[in-house]
N, C-alpha and C. Protein backbone atom coordinates (compact mmCIF):
# COMPACT_ATOMS: atom_id res chain seq x y z
N SER A 1 175.37 160.67 63.02
CA SER A 1 176.19 160.14 64.10
C SER A 1 176.93 161.25 64.84
N THR A 2 177.16 162.39 64.17
CA THR A 2 177.82 163.51 64.84
C THR A 2 176.94 164.07 65.95
N LEU A 3 175.65 164.17 65.67
CA LEU A 3 174.72 164.66 66.67
C LEU A 3 174.64 163.70 67.85
N ALA A 4 174.65 162.42 67.57
CA ALA A 4 174.63 161.43 68.64
C ALA A 4 175.89 161.52 69.49
N ALA A 5 177.04 161.74 68.85
CA ALA A 5 178.29 161.88 69.59
C ALA A 5 178.25 163.10 70.49
N GLN A 6 177.64 164.17 70.01
CA GLN A 6 177.52 165.38 70.83
C GLN A 6 176.69 165.08 72.08
N PHE A 7 175.59 164.38 71.92
CA PHE A 7 174.75 164.06 73.07
C PHE A 7 175.46 163.13 74.05
N VAL A 8 176.24 162.19 73.53
CA VAL A 8 176.98 161.28 74.40
C VAL A 8 178.03 162.03 75.19
N VAL A 9 178.77 162.92 74.53
CA VAL A 9 179.80 163.70 75.23
C VAL A 9 179.16 164.59 76.28
N GLU A 10 178.06 165.25 75.94
CA GLU A 10 177.37 166.10 76.91
C GLU A 10 176.88 165.29 78.10
N TRP A 11 176.34 164.10 77.84
CA TRP A 11 175.87 163.24 78.92
C TRP A 11 177.02 162.81 79.83
N VAL A 12 178.15 162.46 79.24
CA VAL A 12 179.31 162.04 80.04
C VAL A 12 179.80 163.19 80.89
N LEU A 13 179.87 164.39 80.32
CA LEU A 13 180.37 165.54 81.07
C LEU A 13 179.45 165.93 82.21
N THR A 14 178.14 165.76 82.04
CA THR A 14 177.22 166.10 83.13
C THR A 14 177.05 164.96 84.12
N ARG A 15 177.21 163.74 83.67
CA ARG A 15 177.02 162.58 84.55
C ARG A 15 178.21 162.37 85.48
N PHE A 16 179.41 162.54 84.97
CA PHE A 16 180.62 162.31 85.75
C PHE A 16 181.25 163.65 86.09
N SER A 17 180.89 164.20 87.25
CA SER A 17 181.34 165.54 87.60
C SER A 17 182.83 165.59 87.90
N TRP A 18 183.45 164.46 88.22
CA TRP A 18 184.89 164.46 88.49
C TRP A 18 185.68 164.84 87.24
N PHE A 19 185.09 164.64 86.07
CA PHE A 19 185.79 164.97 84.82
C PHE A 19 185.99 166.48 84.69
N THR A 20 185.07 167.27 85.22
CA THR A 20 185.18 168.73 85.17
C THR A 20 185.65 169.31 86.49
N ASN A 21 186.27 168.49 87.33
CA ASN A 21 186.77 168.91 88.65
C ASN A 21 185.65 169.48 89.51
N ASP A 22 184.45 168.94 89.40
CA ASP A 22 183.28 169.38 90.15
C ASP A 22 183.03 170.88 90.00
N ASN A 23 183.33 171.42 88.84
CA ASN A 23 183.13 172.83 88.55
C ASN A 23 181.67 173.04 88.15
N ALA A 24 181.00 174.01 88.77
CA ALA A 24 179.58 174.25 88.50
C ALA A 24 179.33 174.71 87.07
N SER A 25 180.28 175.42 86.48
CA SER A 25 180.08 175.92 85.12
C SER A 25 180.34 174.85 84.07
N GLY A 26 180.96 173.74 84.45
CA GLY A 26 181.24 172.67 83.50
C GLY A 26 182.50 172.88 82.69
N VAL A 27 183.26 173.93 83.02
CA VAL A 27 184.49 174.20 82.29
C VAL A 27 185.59 173.28 82.82
N ILE A 28 186.27 172.62 81.91
CA ILE A 28 187.35 171.73 82.30
C ILE A 28 188.60 172.57 82.54
N THR A 29 189.12 172.51 83.75
CA THR A 29 190.31 173.28 84.09
C THR A 29 191.52 172.36 84.17
N SER A 30 192.67 172.95 83.99
CA SER A 30 193.91 172.17 84.10
C SER A 30 194.96 173.02 84.77
N PRO A 31 195.92 172.38 85.40
CA PRO A 31 196.99 173.15 86.04
C PRO A 31 197.89 173.77 84.97
N PRO A 32 198.66 174.80 85.34
CA PRO A 32 199.56 175.41 84.35
C PRO A 32 200.59 174.40 83.84
N LEU A 33 200.93 174.51 82.58
CA LEU A 33 201.89 173.61 81.95
C LEU A 33 203.29 174.16 82.15
N ILE A 34 204.07 173.50 83.00
CA ILE A 34 205.44 173.93 83.28
C ILE A 34 206.36 172.75 83.00
N ILE A 35 207.25 172.94 82.01
CA ILE A 35 208.21 171.90 81.64
C ILE A 35 209.61 172.49 81.73
N ALA A 36 210.46 171.85 82.50
CA ALA A 36 211.86 172.28 82.69
C ALA A 36 211.94 173.72 83.18
N GLY A 37 211.01 174.11 84.02
CA GLY A 37 211.03 175.44 84.60
C GLY A 37 210.47 176.54 83.71
N VAL A 38 210.00 176.18 82.51
CA VAL A 38 209.43 177.17 81.58
C VAL A 38 207.92 177.07 81.66
N ASN A 39 207.26 178.20 81.92
CA ASN A 39 205.81 178.25 82.02
C ASN A 39 205.21 178.38 80.62
N PHE A 40 204.57 177.32 80.13
CA PHE A 40 203.98 177.34 78.80
C PHE A 40 202.53 177.81 78.82
N SER A 41 202.05 178.31 79.95
CA SER A 41 200.68 178.83 80.02
C SER A 41 200.61 180.29 79.61
N SER A 42 201.74 180.98 79.58
CA SER A 42 201.75 182.39 79.17
C SER A 42 201.79 182.46 77.64
N PRO A 43 201.44 183.61 77.07
CA PRO A 43 201.49 183.73 75.60
C PRO A 43 202.90 183.48 75.04
N GLN A 44 203.92 183.96 75.73
CA GLN A 44 205.29 183.74 75.26
C GLN A 44 205.64 182.25 75.32
N GLY A 45 205.21 181.59 76.37
CA GLY A 45 205.46 180.16 76.50
C GLY A 45 204.77 179.35 75.43
N ARG A 46 203.51 179.71 75.14
CA ARG A 46 202.79 179.01 74.07
C ARG A 46 203.45 179.24 72.72
N TYR A 47 203.96 180.46 72.51
CA TYR A 47 204.67 180.75 71.27
C TYR A 47 205.92 179.88 71.15
N LEU A 48 206.70 179.78 72.23
CA LEU A 48 207.92 178.97 72.19
C LEU A 48 207.60 177.50 71.99
N LEU A 49 206.54 177.01 72.62
CA LEU A 49 206.14 175.62 72.45
C LEU A 49 205.72 175.36 71.01
N THR A 50 204.92 176.25 70.43
CA THR A 50 204.48 176.10 69.05
C THR A 50 205.66 176.19 68.09
N LEU A 51 206.56 177.13 68.33
CA LEU A 51 207.74 177.27 67.48
C LEU A 51 208.59 176.01 67.52
N GLY A 52 208.78 175.46 68.70
CA GLY A 52 209.55 174.23 68.83
C GLY A 52 208.91 173.07 68.09
N LEU A 53 207.59 172.94 68.20
CA LEU A 53 206.89 171.86 67.50
C LEU A 53 206.98 172.03 65.99
N VAL A 54 206.84 173.27 65.50
CA VAL A 54 206.93 173.53 64.07
C VAL A 54 208.32 173.19 63.54
N VAL A 55 209.35 173.59 64.27
CA VAL A 55 210.72 173.29 63.85
C VAL A 55 210.96 171.78 63.84
N LEU A 56 210.49 171.08 64.86
CA LEU A 56 210.65 169.63 64.93
C LEU A 56 209.93 168.94 63.77
N LEU A 57 208.68 169.33 63.49
CA LEU A 57 207.93 168.71 62.41
C LEU A 57 208.53 169.03 61.05
N PHE A 58 209.06 170.25 60.88
CA PHE A 58 209.73 170.61 59.63
C PHE A 58 210.96 169.74 59.42
N TRP A 59 211.74 169.55 60.48
CA TRP A 59 212.94 168.73 60.40
C TRP A 59 212.59 167.29 60.04
N LEU A 60 211.53 166.74 60.68
CA LEU A 60 211.11 165.38 60.37
C LEU A 60 210.63 165.24 58.93
N ALA A 61 209.85 166.21 58.44
CA ALA A 61 209.35 166.15 57.07
C ALA A 61 210.49 166.25 56.07
N ARG A 62 211.44 167.12 56.34
CA ARG A 62 212.58 167.28 55.44
C ARG A 62 213.42 166.00 55.38
N ASN A 63 213.65 165.39 56.52
CA ASN A 63 214.41 164.14 56.53
C ASN A 63 213.64 163.00 55.86
N LEU A 64 212.33 163.00 56.00
CA LEU A 64 211.51 161.98 55.35
C LEU A 64 211.61 162.11 53.84
N LEU A 65 211.54 163.34 53.33
CA LEU A 65 211.59 163.54 51.89
C LEU A 65 212.96 163.24 51.31
N ARG A 66 214.01 163.39 52.10
CA ARG A 66 215.37 163.11 51.62
C ARG A 66 215.70 161.62 51.67
N GLY A 67 214.89 160.84 52.34
CA GLY A 67 215.14 159.41 52.47
C GLY A 67 214.60 158.63 51.29
N GLU A 68 214.71 157.32 51.38
CA GLU A 68 214.28 156.45 50.29
C GLU A 68 212.78 156.57 50.04
N LEU A 69 212.00 156.61 51.10
CA LEU A 69 210.55 156.71 50.95
C LEU A 69 210.16 158.02 50.26
N GLY A 70 210.79 159.12 50.65
CA GLY A 70 210.50 160.40 50.02
C GLY A 70 210.86 160.43 48.55
N ARG A 71 212.01 159.83 48.22
CA ARG A 71 212.41 159.77 46.81
C ARG A 71 211.43 158.92 46.01
N ASN A 72 210.95 157.83 46.62
CA ASN A 72 209.95 157.00 45.94
C ASN A 72 208.66 157.78 45.72
N TRP A 73 208.23 158.53 46.72
CA TRP A 73 207.01 159.34 46.57
C TRP A 73 207.16 160.35 45.44
N MET A 74 208.33 160.99 45.37
CA MET A 74 208.54 161.99 44.32
C MET A 74 208.57 161.34 42.94
N ALA A 75 209.15 160.14 42.83
CA ALA A 75 209.18 159.44 41.55
C ALA A 75 207.77 159.06 41.12
N VAL A 76 206.97 158.58 42.04
CA VAL A 76 205.59 158.22 41.71
C VAL A 76 204.79 159.47 41.36
N ARG A 77 205.04 160.57 42.06
CA ARG A 77 204.34 161.82 41.78
C ARG A 77 204.66 162.32 40.37
N ASP A 78 205.95 162.26 40.00
CA ASP A 78 206.35 162.80 38.70
C ASP A 78 205.84 161.94 37.55
N MET A 79 206.05 160.62 37.63
CA MET A 79 205.58 159.74 36.56
C MET A 79 205.46 158.33 37.10
N ASP A 80 204.24 157.91 37.37
CA ASP A 80 204.04 156.62 38.01
C ASP A 80 204.46 155.45 37.14
N THR A 81 204.30 155.56 35.83
CA THR A 81 204.70 154.47 34.94
C THR A 81 206.21 154.28 34.97
N ALA A 82 206.95 155.36 34.89
CA ALA A 82 208.42 155.27 34.93
C ALA A 82 208.89 154.76 36.28
N ALA A 83 208.22 155.15 37.36
CA ALA A 83 208.59 154.66 38.69
C ALA A 83 208.38 153.16 38.78
N ALA A 84 207.31 152.66 38.19
CA ALA A 84 207.06 151.22 38.20
C ALA A 84 208.11 150.48 37.37
N VAL A 85 208.56 151.08 36.27
CA VAL A 85 209.56 150.44 35.42
C VAL A 85 210.90 150.31 36.13
N ILE A 86 211.27 151.31 36.94
CA ILE A 86 212.57 151.24 37.62
C ILE A 86 212.51 150.43 38.91
N GLY A 87 211.35 149.85 39.22
CA GLY A 87 211.28 148.92 40.33
C GLY A 87 210.60 149.42 41.58
N ILE A 88 209.98 150.58 41.54
CA ILE A 88 209.27 151.09 42.72
C ILE A 88 207.87 150.48 42.71
N ARG A 89 207.55 149.78 43.78
CA ARG A 89 206.21 149.19 43.89
C ARG A 89 205.23 150.30 44.24
N LEU A 90 204.28 150.56 43.35
CA LEU A 90 203.39 151.70 43.50
C LEU A 90 202.49 151.59 44.72
N PHE A 91 202.05 150.40 45.05
CA PHE A 91 201.13 150.25 46.18
C PHE A 91 201.87 150.22 47.51
N LYS A 92 203.19 150.06 47.47
CA LYS A 92 203.98 150.06 48.69
C LYS A 92 204.52 151.46 48.99
N ALA A 93 204.82 152.23 47.96
CA ALA A 93 205.44 153.55 48.13
C ALA A 93 204.50 154.57 48.60
């Protein structure tokens, strides 16, 4: 099915030229990414964007683990039988 998907994507890209902005080489181009006056198309901009995303995802993961769901996951990880005894539903956690 992966090979079939490749042929379908190739057919779509060659059949609908508006998808590639009528570019003869078939390369999909996009305008520069500028958010709040910061150009994220430069290497420094991409670094700042990636750094911001990593910090945000780290913060979300840390808060998730400190919450009830994270504590349930850690209890199940450490000893699933004991977690079930104290009332943690194993298939819900």
